[in-house]
Protein backbone atom coordinates (compact mmCIF):
# COMPACT_ATOMS: atom_id res chain seq x y z
CA UNK A 1 99.38 118.66 132.87
CA UNK A 2 102.99 118.67 133.20
CA UNK A 3 105.41 116.66 131.34
CA UNK A 4 105.32 113.54 133.64
CA UNK A 5 102.08 112.64 133.47
CA UNK A 6 101.94 113.68 129.85
CA UNK A 7 104.84 110.81 129.24
CA UNK A 8 102.93 108.36 131.25
CA UNK A 9 100.03 108.60 128.82
CA UNK A 10 102.39 107.98 126.10
CA UNK A 11 103.01 104.67 126.83
CA UNK A 12 99.28 103.23 126.42
CA UNK A 13 99.32 105.53 123.51
CA UNK A 14 102.46 103.83 121.80
CA UNK A 15 100.81 100.45 123.00
CA UNK A 16 97.57 101.12 120.96
CA UNK A 17 99.47 102.48 117.89
CA UNK A 18 101.50 99.42 117.08
CA UNK A 19 98.81 96.88 118.16
CA UNK A 20 95.73 98.46 116.33
CA UNK A 21 98.11 99.05 113.13
CA UNK A 22 99.16 95.84 112.91
CA UNK A 23 95.05 94.64 113.40
CA UNK A 24 94.52 96.88 110.62
CA UNK A 25 96.96 95.64 108.44
CA UNK A 26 96.03 92.03 109.18
CA UNK A 27 92.40 93.30 108.56
CA UNK A 28 93.44 94.63 105.17
CA UNK A 29 95.38 91.52 104.33
CA UNK A 30 92.52 89.15 104.78
CA UNK A 31 90.11 91.87 103.05
CA UNK A 32 92.10 92.55 99.87
CA UNK A 33 94.08 89.35 99.41
CA UNK A 34 91.90 87.18 97.38
CA UNK A 35 90.86 86.02 94.35
CA UNK A 36 88.60 87.25 92.56
CA UNK A 37 86.65 85.56 89.52
CA UNK A 38 84.18 86.61 87.02
CA UNK A 39 82.60 85.29 84.14
CA UNK A 40 82.98 86.73 80.58
CA UNK A 41 81.39 86.38 77.46
CA UNK A 42 83.72 86.40 74.54
CA UNK A 43 82.05 86.42 71.11
CA UNK A 44 83.97 83.74 69.22
CA UNK A 45 85.18 81.50 72.14
CA UNK A 46 82.02 81.53 74.16
CA UNK A 47 81.85 81.81 78.12
CA UNK A 48 85.15 82.14 79.98
CA UNK A 49 85.86 82.33 83.77
CA UNK A 50 88.55 84.97 84.54
CA UNK A 51 90.31 85.22 87.46
CA UNK A 52 92.17 87.86 89.18
CA UNK A 53 94.89 87.45 91.99
CA UNK A 54 94.92 90.17 94.61
CA UNK A 55 97.38 88.54 97.05
CA UNK A 56 100.75 90.83 96.01
CA UNK A 57 98.63 93.88 96.37
CA UNK A 58 97.15 92.38 100.24
CA UNK A 59 101.55 91.66 100.84
CA UNK A 60 102.21 95.30 100.22
CA UNK A 61 99.61 96.65 102.08
CA UNK A 62 100.51 94.55 105.14
CA UNK A 63 103.96 95.30 105.10
CA UNK A 64 103.44 99.39 104.49
CA UNK A 65 100.79 99.21 107.10
CA UNK A 66 102.67 97.44 109.37
CA UNK A 67 105.89 99.37 109.17
CA UNK A 68 104.07 102.46 109.38
CA UNK A 69 102.49 101.20 112.81
CA UNK A 70 105.61 100.10 114.22
CA UNK A 71 107.44 103.59 113.36
CA UNK A 72 104.65 105.60 114.87
CA UNK A 73 105.18 103.56 117.65
CA UNK A 74 108.83 104.20 118.15
CA UNK A 75 108.17 107.51 117.75
CA UNK A 76 106.00 107.53 120.64
CA UNK A 77 108.11 105.60 122.51
CA UNK A 78 110.87 107.55 121.84
CA UNK A 79 109.14 111.15 122.94
CA UNK A 80 107.90 109.10 126.15
CA UNK A 81 111.63 108.60 127.04
CA UNK A 82 112.69 112.53 126.23
CA UNK A 83 110.04 113.60 128.29
CA UNK A 84 110.81 111.46 131.41
CA UNK A 85 114.67 112.66 130.65
CA UNK A 86 113.78 116.26 130.49
CA UNK A 87 111.54 116.00 133.60
CA UNK A 88 114.61 114.48 135.62
CA UNK A 89 117.03 116.96 134.20
CA UNK A 90 114.31 119.65 135.89
CA UNK A 91 114.48 118.03 138.56
CA UNK A 92 117.64 117.59 139.40
CA UNK A 93 118.88 121.50 138.61
CA UNK A 94 116.45 123.00 141.09
CA UNK A 95 117.68 121.18 144.09
């Protein structure tokens, strides 16, 4: 496998990382970003429903996973471009 054929594989890989990362980020947001409630028995007050909102953590997870997917795909796009330029330089110096 030469550099040109390897650089051709990096384009689809970069798109897969970008799209797959944002799909994963959205899935994490939907899985984490809910309000969970439980019933707690307090000796003096009786039964109390205590709720915890995890939306802030879900937004942070969405942002972090999406940012990492974007940076990773940009790295792969840059590597693809670099390999293509190196192949063109090699071809021009041989002739």
